[in-house]
Amino acid sequence: MITFIISQRKSIPAIASSVEKLCRRAGEKMETERDILYTFPAPKAIARLSEQELQSCSLGYRTPYISQTAAIIKRTPHLLKDLASCDDETLQESLMALPGVGIKVASCIALFSYHRTGLAPVDVWIQRVIDRHYGGKNPFPRYGSQAGILQQYLFYYAQSTGMK
């Protein structure tokens, strides 16, 4: 969830950089034979960070969303598990009640974390495909429970062809 909040209006390299900084700041250090790695921090570890510490992770305007969402999950650790039993619409609405979670982020969380393959997140890349190849009309509703899978193929197509 946190990485999807971070992803708003950021490039993939910028997302990776912010996630790495957050992991270094609040994750657990792990040493291998070749490298030092950091785990992705638990909500309680993120919630303990000050706004200044979070800002140092290049989170920008997302800082308060991440802080508040981590605090909510820390206070209600069962929340995310409980949402798994909700229907798709209720799941999205419940996720969007969290700070910094709009329809795109909620759809990403639902698709990738809850395996709701009927949901298809529309980001800038997907919108380009919709505009260019579907006359601006969202094609996903006609694909039902496979919409999220199609979305992934279209995302790959847009990225690999450098669609602008």
C-alpha atoms as a PDB file:
ATOM      1  CA  MET A   1       0.000   0.000   0.000  1.00  0.00           C
ATOM      2  CA  ILE A   2       2.747   2.442   0.913  1.00  0.00           C
ATOM      3  CA  THR A   3       4.619   1.842  -2.330  1.00  0.00           C
ATOM      4  CA  PHE A   4       1.451   2.500  -4.317  1.00  0.00           C
ATOM      5  CA  ILE A   5       0.928   5.771  -2.433  1.00  0.00           C
ATOM      6  CA  ILE A   6       4.548   6.659  -3.218  1.00  0.00           C
ATOM      7  CA  SER A   7       3.965   5.855  -6.894  1.00  0.00           C
ATOM      8  CA  GLN A   8       1.540   8.716  -7.427  1.00  0.00           C
ATOM      9  CA  ARG A   9       2.921  11.111 -10.024  1.00  0.00           C
ATOM     10  CA  LYS A  10       6.436   9.649  -9.889  1.00  0.00           C
ATOM     11  CA  SER A  11       8.583   7.868 -12.419  1.00  0.00           C
ATOM     12  CA  ILE A  12       9.648   4.289 -11.779  1.00  0.00           C
ATOM     13  CA  PRO A  13      13.268   5.297 -10.954  1.00  0.00           C
ATOM     14  CA  ALA A  14      11.998   7.966  -8.524  1.00  0.00           C
ATOM     15  CA  ILE A  15       9.656   5.438  -6.880  1.00  0.00           C
ATOM     16  CA  ALA A  16      12.522   2.955  -6.483  1.00  0.00           C
ATOM     17  CA  SER A  17      14.727   5.650  -4.968  1.00  0.00           C
ATOM     18  CA  SER A  18      12.073   6.698  -2.431  1.00  0.00           C
ATOM     19  CA  VAL A  19      11.343   3.092  -1.476  1.00  0.00           C
ATOM     20  CA  GLU A  20      15.058   2.398  -1.016  1.00  0.00           C
ATOM     21  CA  LYS A  21      15.424   5.475   1.208  1.00  0.00           C
ATOM     22  CA  LEU A  22      12.396   4.456   3.273  1.00  0.00           C
ATOM     23  CA  CYS A  23      13.774   0.920   3.679  1.00  0.00           C
ATOM     24  CA  ARG A  24      17.167   2.248   4.774  1.00  0.00           C
ATOM     25  CA  ARG A  25      15.515   4.657   7.204  1.00  0.00           C
ATOM     26  CA  ALA A  26      13.054   2.258   8.874  1.00  0.00           C
ATOM     27  CA  GLY A  27      13.590  -1.288   7.569  1.00  0.00           C
ATOM     28  CA  GLU A  28      15.584  -4.016   9.216  1.00  0.00           C
ATOM     29  CA  LYS A  29      19.189  -4.389   8.095  1.00  0.00           C
ATOM     30  CA  MET A  30      20.119  -7.719   6.538  1.00  0.00           C
ATOM     31  CA  GLU A  31      23.667  -8.629   5.579  1.00  0.00           C
ATOM     32  CA  THR A  32      24.438 -11.152   2.870  1.00  0.00           C
ATOM     33  CA  GLU A  33      27.813 -12.331   1.636  1.00  0.00           C
ATOM     34  CA  ARG A  34      27.761  -9.658  -1.061  1.00  0.00           C
ATOM     35  CA  ASP A  35      25.531  -6.868   0.098  1.00  0.00           C
ATOM     36  CA  ILE A  36      23.688  -5.082   2.869  1.00  0.00           C
ATOM     37  CA  LEU A  37      19.940  -5.006   2.311  1.00  0.00           C
ATOM     38  CA  TYR A  38      17.021  -3.488   4.171  1.00  0.00           C
ATOM     39  CA  THR A  39      13.554  -4.962   4.507  1.00  0.00           C
ATOM     40  CA  PHE A  40      10.472  -2.937   3.723  1.00  0.00           C
ATOM     41  CA  PRO A  41       9.445  -1.413   7.057  1.00  0.00           C
ATOM     42  CA  ALA A  42       6.390  -2.562   8.968  1.00  0.00           C
ATOM     43  CA  PRO A  43       3.600  -0.007   9.476  1.00  0.00           C
ATOM     44  CA  LYS A  44       4.642   0.527  13.104  1.00  0.00           C
ATOM     45  CA  ALA A  45       8.197   1.397  11.987  1.00  0.00           C
ATOM     46  CA  ILE A  46       6.898   3.887   9.425  1.00  0.00           C
ATOM     47  CA  ALA A  47       4.456   5.370  11.952  1.00  0.00           C
ATOM     48  CA  ARG A  48       7.367   6.038  14.344  1.00  0.00           C
ATOM     49  CA  LEU A  49       9.154   8.235  11.793  1.00  0.00           C
ATOM     50  CA  SER A  50       8.852  11.981  12.118  1.00  0.00           C
ATOM     51  CA  GLU A  51       7.641  14.076   9.211  1.00  0.00           C
ATOM     52  CA  GLN A  52      11.222  15.272   8.699  1.00  0.00           C
ATOM     53  CA  GLU A  53      12.505  11.677   8.576  1.00  0.00           C
ATOM     54  CA  LEU A  54       9.838  10.775   6.042  1.00  0.00           C
ATOM     55  CA  GLN A  55      10.614  13.887   3.985  1.00  0.00           C
ATOM     56  CA  SER A  56      14.246  12.744   3.790  1.00  0.00           C
ATOM     57  CA  CYS A  57      12.949   9.768   1.780  1.00  0.00           C
ATOM     58  CA  SER A  58      11.885  12.107  -1.051  1.00  0.00           C
ATOM     59  CA  LEU A  59       8.191  11.474  -0.478  1.00  0.00           C
ATOM     60  CA  GLY A  60       7.103  15.052  -1.186  1.00  0.00           C
ATOM     61  CA  TYR A  61       3.391  15.784  -0.790  1.00  0.00           C
ATOM     62  CA  ARG A  62       2.821  12.093  -0.018  1.00  0.00           C
ATOM     63  CA  THR A  63       4.566  12.397   3.371  1.00  0.00           C
ATOM     64  CA  PRO A  64       1.443  13.074   5.483  1.00  0.00           C
ATOM     65  CA  TYR A  65      -0.531  10.392   3.599  1.00  0.00           C
ATOM     66  CA  ILE A  66       2.119   7.792   4.342  1.00  0.00           C
ATOM     67  CA  SER A  67       2.451   8.853   7.958  1.00  0.00           C
ATOM     68  CA  GLN A  68      -1.308   8.855   8.565  1.00  0.00           C
ATOM     69  CA  THR A  69      -1.964   5.595   6.702  1.00  0.00           C
ATOM     70  CA  ALA A  70       0.847   3.807   8.567  1.00  0.00           C
ATOM     71  CA  ALA A  71      -0.590   5.082  11.870  1.00  0.00           C
ATOM     72  CA  ILE A  72      -4.066   3.781  10.962  1.00  0.00           C
ATOM     73  CA  ILE A  73      -2.700   0.350  10.032  1.00  0.00           C
ATOM     74  CA  LYS A  74      -0.619   0.281  13.227  1.00  0.00           C
ATOM     75  CA  ARG A  75      -3.751   1.029  15.307  1.00  0.00           C
ATOM     76  CA  THR A  76      -5.936  -1.451  13.415  1.00  0.00           C
ATOM     77  CA  PRO A  77      -3.603  -4.245  12.269  1.00  0.00           C
ATOM     78  CA  HIS A  78      -6.539  -6.490  11.310  1.00  0.00           C
ATOM     79  CA  LEU A  79      -7.967  -3.921   8.868  1.00  0.00           C
ATOM     80  CA  LEU A  80      -6.140  -5.037   5.738  1.00  0.00           C
ATOM     81  CA  LYS A  81      -6.850  -8.708   6.416  1.00  0.00           C
ATOM     82  CA  ASP A  82     -10.519  -7.977   7.100  1.00  0.00           C
ATOM     83  CA  LEU A  83     -10.850  -6.186   3.769  1.00  0.00           C
ATOM     84  CA  ALA A  84     -10.013  -9.415   1.940  1.00  0.00           C
ATOM     85  CA  SER A  85     -13.562 -10.673   2.507  1.00  0.00           C
ATOM     86  CA  CYS A  86     -15.179  -7.577   0.971  1.00  0.00           C
ATOM     87  CA  ASP A  87     -16.585  -7.455  -2.539  1.00  0.00           C
ATOM     88  CA  ASP A  88     -14.583  -5.425  -5.067  1.00  0.00           C
ATOM     89  CA  GLU A  89     -16.620  -2.234  -4.699  1.00  0.00           C
ATOM     90  CA  THR A  90     -16.503  -2.257  -0.893  1.00  0.00           C
ATOM     91  CA  LEU A  91     -12.799  -3.073  -0.968  1.00  0.00           C
ATOM     92  CA  GLN A  92     -12.053  -0.094  -3.217  1.00  0.00           C
ATOM     93  CA  GLU A  93     -14.244   2.250  -1.159  1.00  0.00           C
ATOM     94  CA  SER A  94     -12.613   1.099   2.082  1.00  0.00           C
ATOM     95  CA  LEU A  95      -9.131   1.554   0.670  1.00  0.00           C
ATOM     96  CA  MET A  96     -10.035   5.023  -0.629  1.00  0.00           C
ATOM     97  CA  ALA A  97     -11.007   6.011   2.922  1.00  0.00           C
ATOM     98  CA  LEU A  98      -7.290   5.849   3.792  1.00  0.00           C
ATOM     99  CA  PRO A  99      -5.208   9.025   3.370  1.00  0.00           C
ATOM    100  CA  GLY A 100      -3.594   9.318  -0.050  1.00  0.00           C
ATOM    101  CA  VAL A 101      -5.544   6.460  -1.605  1.00  0.00           C
ATOM    102  CA  GLY A 102      -7.584   7.435  -4.649  1.00  0.00           C
ATOM    103  CA  ILE A 103      -9.182   5.218  -7.261  1.00  0.00           C
ATOM    104  CA  LYS A 104      -5.937   4.382  -9.096  1.00  0.00           C
ATOM    105  CA  VAL A 105      -4.034   3.455  -5.932  1.00  0.00           C
ATOM    106  CA  ALA A 106      -7.043   1.522  -4.570  1.00  0.00           C
ATOM    107  CA  SER A 107      -7.298  -0.380  -7.861  1.00  0.00           C
ATOM    108  CA  CYS A 108      -3.564  -1.202  -7.760  1.00  0.00           C
ATOM    109  CA  ILE A 109      -3.800  -2.457  -4.186  1.00  0.00           C
ATOM    110  CA  ALA A 110      -6.920  -4.487  -4.996  1.00  0.00           C
ATOM    111  CA  LEU A 111      -5.347  -6.041  -8.106  1.00  0.00           C
ATOM    112  CA  PHE A 112      -1.861  -6.757  -6.791  1.00  0.00           C
ATOM    113  CA  SER A 113      -2.451  -7.331  -3.070  1.00  0.00           C
ATOM    114  CA  TYR A 114      -5.937  -8.831  -3.054  1.00  0.00           C
ATOM    115  CA  HIS A 115      -5.754 -10.540  -6.473  1.00  0.00           C
ATOM    116  CA  ARG A 116      -8.890  -8.795  -7.725  1.00  0.00           C
ATOM    117  CA  THR A 117      -8.262  -9.401 -11.412  1.00  0.00           C
ATOM    118  CA  GLY A 118     -11.519  -7.748 -12.412  1.00  0.00           C
ATOM    119  CA  LEU A 119     -10.099  -4.356 -11.443  1.00  0.00           C
ATOM    120  CA  ALA A 120      -7.884  -2.463 -13.866  1.00  0.00           C
ATOM    121  CA  PRO A 121      -5.918   0.555 -12.597  1.00  0.00           C
ATOM    122  CA  VAL A 122      -5.772   3.435 -15.070  1.00  0.00           C
ATOM    123  CA  ASP A 123      -2.542   5.399 -14.853  1.00  0.00           C
ATOM    124  CA  VAL A 124      -0.963   7.723 -17.404  1.00  0.00           C
ATOM    125  CA  TRP A 125       0.373   4.791 -19.456  1.00  0.00           C
ATOM    126  CA  ILE A 126      -2.974   3.012 -19.587  1.00  0.00           C
ATOM    127  CA  GLN A 127      -4.785   6.262 -20.362  1.00  0.00           C
ATOM    128  CA  ARG A 128      -2.492   6.722 -23.371  1.00  0.00           C
ATOM    129  CA  VAL A 129      -3.432   3.250 -24.627  1.00  0.00           C
ATOM    130  CA  ILE A 130      -7.127   3.961 -24.051  1.00  0.00           C
ATOM    131  CA  ASP A 131      -6.901   7.273 -25.894  1.00  0.00           C
ATOM    132  CA  ARG A 132      -4.841   5.946 -28.795  1.00  0.00           C
ATOM    133  CA  HIS A 133      -6.315   2.490 -29.333  1.00  0.00           C
ATOM    134  CA  TYR A 134      -9.800   2.611 -27.839  1.00  0.00           C
ATOM    135  CA  GLY A 135     -10.945   6.087 -28.866  1.00  0.00           C
ATOM    136  CA  GLY A 136     -10.816   7.309 -25.286  1.00  0.00           C
ATOM    137  CA  LYS A 137     -13.370   4.723 -24.116  1.00  0.00           C
ATOM    138  CA  ASN A 138     -12.340   2.474 -21.241  1.00  0.00           C
ATOM    139  CA  PRO A 139     -12.244  -1.104 -22.609  1.00  0.00           C
ATOM    140  CA  PHE A 140     -11.886  -2.884 -19.287  1.00  0.00           C
ATOM    141  CA  PRO A 141     -15.539  -3.358 -18.251  1.00  0.00           C
ATOM    142  CA  ARG A 142     -16.126  -5.750 -21.157  1.00  0.00           C
ATOM    143  CA  TYR A 143     -13.330  -8.043 -19.900  1.00  0.00           C
ATOM    144  CA  GLY A 144     -14.973  -8.737 -16.542  1.00  0.00           C
ATOM    145  CA  SER A 145     -12.851 -10.761 -14.151  1.00  0.00           C
ATOM    146  CA  GLN A 146      -9.888 -10.632 -16.559  1.00  0.00           C
ATOM    147  CA  ALA A 147      -9.699  -6.813 -16.859  1.00  0.00           C
ATOM    148  CA  GLY A 148      -6.706  -6.506 -14.520  1.00  0.00           C
ATOM    149  CA  ILE A 149      -4.787  -9.125 -16.489  1.00  0.00           C
ATOM    150  CA  LEU A 150      -5.433  -7.269 -19.753  1.00  0.00           C
ATOM    151  CA  GLN A 151      -4.356  -4.058 -18.027  1.00  0.00           C
ATOM    152  CA  GLN A 152      -0.981  -5.620 -17.252  1.00  0.00           C
ATOM    153  CA  TYR A 153      -0.440  -6.615 -20.889  1.00  0.00           C
ATOM    154  CA  LEU A 154      -1.408  -3.124 -22.040  1.00  0.00           C
ATOM    155  CA  PHE A 155       0.876  -1.536 -19.451  1.00  0.00           C
ATOM    156  CA  TYR A 156       3.764  -3.694 -20.665  1.00  0.00           C
ATOM    157  CA  TYR A 157       2.958  -2.761 -24.268  1.00  0.00           C
ATOM    158  CA  ALA A 158       2.878   0.962 -23.466  1.00  0.00           C
ATOM    159  CA  GLN A 159       6.138   0.808 -21.499  1.00  0.00           C
ATOM    160  CA  SER A 160       8.014  -1.382 -23.968  1.00  0.00           C
ATOM    161  CA  THR A 161       7.032   0.702 -26.974  1.00  0.00           C
ATOM    162  CA  GLY A 162       7.755   3.988 -25.205  1.00  0.00           C
ATOM    163  CA  MET A 163       4.240   5.208 -25.901  1.00  0.00           C
ATOM    164  CA  LYS A 164       4.007   8.948 -25.306  1.00  0.00           C
END
